[in-house]
Amino acid sequence: MREYLDTNELAERLHIGTTTLVKWRRDLEGPPWIRYGKRHIRYPIAGVENWLAANLYGEEGGPLRLIMSEEQPDDL
């Protein structure tokens, strides 16, 4: 199992644009991330899951599980 997602992978899973993630990093918002080298940004999956859980509204576990899993719900 992978431990990190790149910007494109996380944007796809969250159904947002990569520019949103860039803005969140610039504004020190959003999920935790690490930079190594000058251009390599990665998001630890555990950190993203914790961030989502801390910002989850509504039914506990429902949206979080769908966003972070590889599976897509039938009704999307």
N, C-alpha and C. Protein backbone atom coordinates (compact mmCIF):
# COMPACT_ATOMS: atom_id res chain seq x y z
N MET A 1 0.84 -1.19 0.00
CA MET A 1 0.00 0.00 0.00
C MET A 1 0.88 1.25 0.00
N ARG A 2 0.51 2.19 -0.80
CA ARG A 2 1.26 3.44 -0.88
C ARG A 2 1.01 4.30 0.35
N GLU A 3 2.01 5.09 0.71
CA GLU A 3 1.89 5.96 1.88
C GLU A 3 1.63 7.41 1.50
N TYR A 4 1.90 7.79 0.24
CA TYR A 4 1.80 9.18 -0.18
C TYR A 4 1.04 9.30 -1.50
N LEU A 5 0.42 10.46 -1.70
CA LEU A 5 -0.23 10.81 -2.96
C LEU A 5 0.46 12.05 -3.51
N ASP A 6 0.56 12.13 -4.83
CA ASP A 6 1.05 13.38 -5.40
C ASP A 6 -0.13 14.33 -5.58
N THR A 7 0.14 15.53 -6.03
CA THR A 7 -0.89 16.56 -6.15
C THR A 7 -2.01 16.13 -7.09
N ASN A 8 -1.66 15.55 -8.23
CA ASN A 8 -2.69 15.12 -9.18
C ASN A 8 -3.57 14.02 -8.60
N GLU A 9 -2.97 13.07 -7.92
CA GLU A 9 -3.74 11.96 -7.34
C GLU A 9 -4.70 12.46 -6.27
N LEU A 10 -4.22 13.36 -5.41
CA LEU A 10 -5.10 13.87 -4.35
C LEU A 10 -6.22 14.72 -4.94
N ALA A 11 -5.91 15.55 -5.90
CA ALA A 11 -6.93 16.38 -6.53
C ALA A 11 -8.02 15.50 -7.15
N GLU A 12 -7.62 14.43 -7.79
CA GLU A 12 -8.59 13.52 -8.40
C GLU A 12 -9.47 12.87 -7.34
N ARG A 13 -8.87 12.42 -6.25
CA ARG A 13 -9.65 11.76 -5.19
C ARG A 13 -10.59 12.71 -4.48
N LEU A 14 -10.18 13.98 -4.35
CA LEU A 14 -11.04 14.96 -3.68
C LEU A 14 -12.00 15.65 -4.64
N HIS A 15 -11.85 15.38 -5.93
CA HIS A 15 -12.69 15.99 -6.97
C HIS A 15 -12.56 17.51 -6.96
N ILE A 16 -11.29 17.96 -6.88
CA ILE A 16 -10.97 19.39 -6.93
C ILE A 16 -9.84 19.59 -7.92
N GLY A 17 -9.57 20.82 -8.28
CA GLY A 17 -8.47 21.11 -9.19
C GLY A 17 -7.13 21.14 -8.47
N THR A 18 -6.09 20.89 -9.21
CA THR A 18 -4.75 20.96 -8.63
C THR A 18 -4.43 22.38 -8.18
N THR A 19 -5.01 23.38 -8.85
CA THR A 19 -4.75 24.76 -8.44
C THR A 19 -5.32 25.04 -7.05
N THR A 20 -6.39 24.34 -6.67
CA THR A 20 -6.92 24.50 -5.31
C THR A 20 -5.90 24.00 -4.30
N LEU A 21 -5.28 22.86 -4.57
CA LEU A 21 -4.26 22.34 -3.66
C LEU A 21 -3.05 23.27 -3.59
N VAL A 22 -2.67 23.85 -4.71
CA VAL A 22 -1.56 24.81 -4.73
C VAL A 22 -1.91 26.01 -3.87
N LYS A 23 -3.12 26.52 -4.00
CA LYS A 23 -3.56 27.67 -3.20
C LYS A 23 -3.57 27.31 -1.72
N TRP A 24 -4.09 26.13 -1.39
CA TRP A 24 -4.12 25.72 0.02
C TRP A 24 -2.70 25.63 0.58
N ARG A 25 -1.77 25.11 -0.18
CA ARG A 25 -0.38 25.05 0.31
C ARG A 25 0.16 26.45 0.53
N ARG A 26 -0.09 27.33 -0.43
CA ARG A 26 0.40 28.72 -0.33
C ARG A 26 -0.17 29.40 0.91
N ASP A 27 -1.46 29.16 1.19
CA ASP A 27 -2.14 29.80 2.31
C ASP A 27 -2.04 29.00 3.61
N LEU A 28 -1.24 27.92 3.58
CA LEU A 28 -1.07 27.03 4.74
C LEU A 28 -2.41 26.50 5.23
N GLU A 29 -3.24 26.09 4.30
CA GLU A 29 -4.53 25.47 4.59
C GLU A 29 -4.53 24.07 3.98
N GLY A 30 -5.61 23.34 4.18
CA GLY A 30 -5.76 22.05 3.55
C GLY A 30 -5.00 20.95 4.26
N PRO A 31 -4.91 19.80 3.60
CA PRO A 31 -4.25 18.65 4.23
C PRO A 31 -2.74 18.84 4.34
N PRO A 32 -2.12 18.12 5.27
CA PRO A 32 -0.67 18.24 5.44
C PRO A 32 0.07 17.70 4.21
N TRP A 33 1.22 18.28 3.96
CA TRP A 33 2.03 17.88 2.81
C TRP A 33 3.50 18.00 3.17
N ILE A 34 4.30 17.34 2.36
CA ILE A 34 5.75 17.44 2.54
C ILE A 34 6.37 17.82 1.20
N ARG A 35 7.49 18.49 1.26
CA ARG A 35 8.24 18.85 0.06
C ARG A 35 9.64 18.24 0.21
N TYR A 36 10.06 17.59 -0.83
CA TYR A 36 11.45 17.16 -0.87
C TYR A 36 12.03 17.60 -2.20
N GLY A 37 13.20 18.14 -2.13
CA GLY A 37 13.78 18.78 -3.30
C GLY A 37 13.05 20.10 -3.56
N LYS A 38 13.18 20.61 -4.76
CA LYS A 38 12.54 21.89 -5.08
C LYS A 38 11.12 21.73 -5.58
N ARG A 39 10.80 20.61 -6.20
CA ARG A 39 9.52 20.49 -6.89
C ARG A 39 8.63 19.34 -6.43
N HIS A 40 9.10 18.50 -5.58
CA HIS A 40 8.36 17.29 -5.24
C HIS A 40 7.49 17.50 -4.01
N ILE A 41 6.18 17.48 -4.22
CA ILE A 41 5.19 17.63 -3.14
C ILE A 41 4.47 16.31 -3.01
N ARG A 42 4.33 15.83 -1.78
CA ARG A 42 3.57 14.61 -1.52
C ARG A 42 2.68 14.83 -0.30
N TYR A 43 1.56 14.15 -0.33
CA TYR A 43 0.58 14.21 0.76
C TYR A 43 0.53 12.85 1.44
N PRO A 44 0.90 12.76 2.73
CA PRO A 44 0.80 11.48 3.41
C PRO A 44 -0.68 11.07 3.53
N ILE A 45 -1.01 9.87 3.12
CA ILE A 45 -2.40 9.42 3.13
C ILE A 45 -2.98 9.49 4.54
N ALA A 46 -2.21 9.09 5.54
CA ALA A 46 -2.71 9.14 6.92
C ALA A 46 -3.04 10.58 7.32
N GLY A 47 -2.21 11.53 6.92
CA GLY A 47 -2.46 12.94 7.23
C GLY A 47 -3.69 13.47 6.53
N VAL A 48 -3.88 13.05 5.27
CA VAL A 48 -5.06 13.47 4.52
C VAL A 48 -6.32 12.91 5.17
N GLU A 49 -6.28 11.63 5.56
CA GLU A 49 -7.44 11.02 6.21
C GLU A 49 -7.78 11.74 7.52
N ASN A 50 -6.75 12.08 8.30
CA ASN A 50 -6.99 12.80 9.55
C ASN A 50 -7.57 14.18 9.29
N TRP A 51 -7.05 14.87 8.28
CA TRP A 51 -7.56 16.19 7.92
C TRP A 51 -9.02 16.10 7.48
N LEU A 52 -9.33 15.11 6.66
CA LEU A 52 -10.72 14.93 6.22
C LEU A 52 -11.63 14.64 7.40
N ALA A 53 -11.19 13.78 8.30
CA ALA A 53 -12.01 13.44 9.47
C ALA A 53 -12.25 14.66 10.34
N ALA A 54 -11.25 15.52 10.47
CA ALA A 54 -11.38 16.72 11.29
C ALA A 54 -12.30 17.75 10.64
N ASN A 55 -12.48 17.65 9.33
CA ASN A 55 -13.30 18.61 8.60
C ASN A 55 -14.56 17.98 8.02
N LEU A 56 -14.94 16.83 8.54
CA LEU A 56 -16.08 16.09 8.04
C LEU A 56 -17.37 16.59 8.68
N TYR A 57 -18.37 16.82 7.86
CA TYR A 57 -19.68 17.22 8.33
C TYR A 57 -20.69 16.18 7.90
N GLY A 58 -21.68 15.95 8.72
CA GLY A 58 -22.71 14.98 8.36
C GLY A 58 -22.39 13.60 8.90
N GLU A 59 -22.83 12.60 8.17
CA GLU A 59 -22.71 11.22 8.62
C GLU A 59 -21.25 10.81 8.77
N GLU A 60 -20.90 10.31 9.93
CA GLU A 60 -19.52 9.94 10.22
C GLU A 60 -19.11 8.72 9.39
N GLY A 61 -17.99 8.83 8.72
CA GLY A 61 -17.42 7.71 8.00
C GLY A 61 -17.90 7.54 6.58
N GLY A 62 -19.04 8.08 6.20
CA GLY A 62 -19.57 7.89 4.86
C GLY A 62 -18.72 8.55 3.80
N PRO A 63 -18.72 9.89 3.73
CA PRO A 63 -17.95 10.57 2.69
C PRO A 63 -16.45 10.29 2.77
N LEU A 64 -15.91 10.20 3.98
CA LEU A 64 -14.47 9.97 4.14
C LEU A 64 -14.07 8.66 3.49
N ARG A 65 -14.81 7.61 3.72
CA ARG A 65 -14.48 6.31 3.18
C ARG A 65 -14.52 6.34 1.64
N LEU A 66 -15.49 7.02 1.07
CA LEU A 66 -15.62 7.07 -0.38
C LEU A 66 -14.50 7.87 -1.02
N ILE A 67 -14.09 8.95 -0.41
CA ILE A 67 -13.07 9.81 -0.99
C ILE A 67 -11.71 9.11 -1.01
N MET A 68 -11.36 8.44 0.07
CA MET A 68 -10.02 7.88 0.16
C MET A 68 -9.91 6.48 -0.45
N SER A 69 -11.01 5.82 -0.74
CA SER A 69 -10.93 4.49 -1.33
C SER A 69 -10.77 4.60 -2.84
N GLU A 70 -10.32 3.54 -3.43
CA GLU A 70 -10.19 3.49 -4.88
C GLU A 70 -11.55 3.24 -5.52
N GLU A 71 -12.51 2.73 -4.73
CA GLU A 71 -13.82 2.38 -5.27
C GLU A 71 -14.64 3.63 -5.51
N GLN A 72 -15.49 3.57 -6.52
CA GLN A 72 -16.40 4.66 -6.82
C GLN A 72 -17.81 4.19 -6.51
N PRO A 73 -18.63 5.03 -5.89
CA PRO A 73 -20.01 4.63 -5.62
C PRO A 73 -20.76 4.44 -6.92
N ASP A 74 -21.77 3.58 -6.90
CA ASP A 74 -22.55 3.28 -8.09
C ASP A 74 -23.33 4.46 -8.61
N ASP A 75 -23.73 5.37 -7.69
CA ASP A 75 -24.61 6.46 -8.10
C ASP A 75 -23.87 7.70 -8.59
N LEU A 76 -22.56 7.67 -8.74
CA LEU A 76 -21.84 8.84 -9.27
C LEU A 76 -21.68 8.75 -10.75
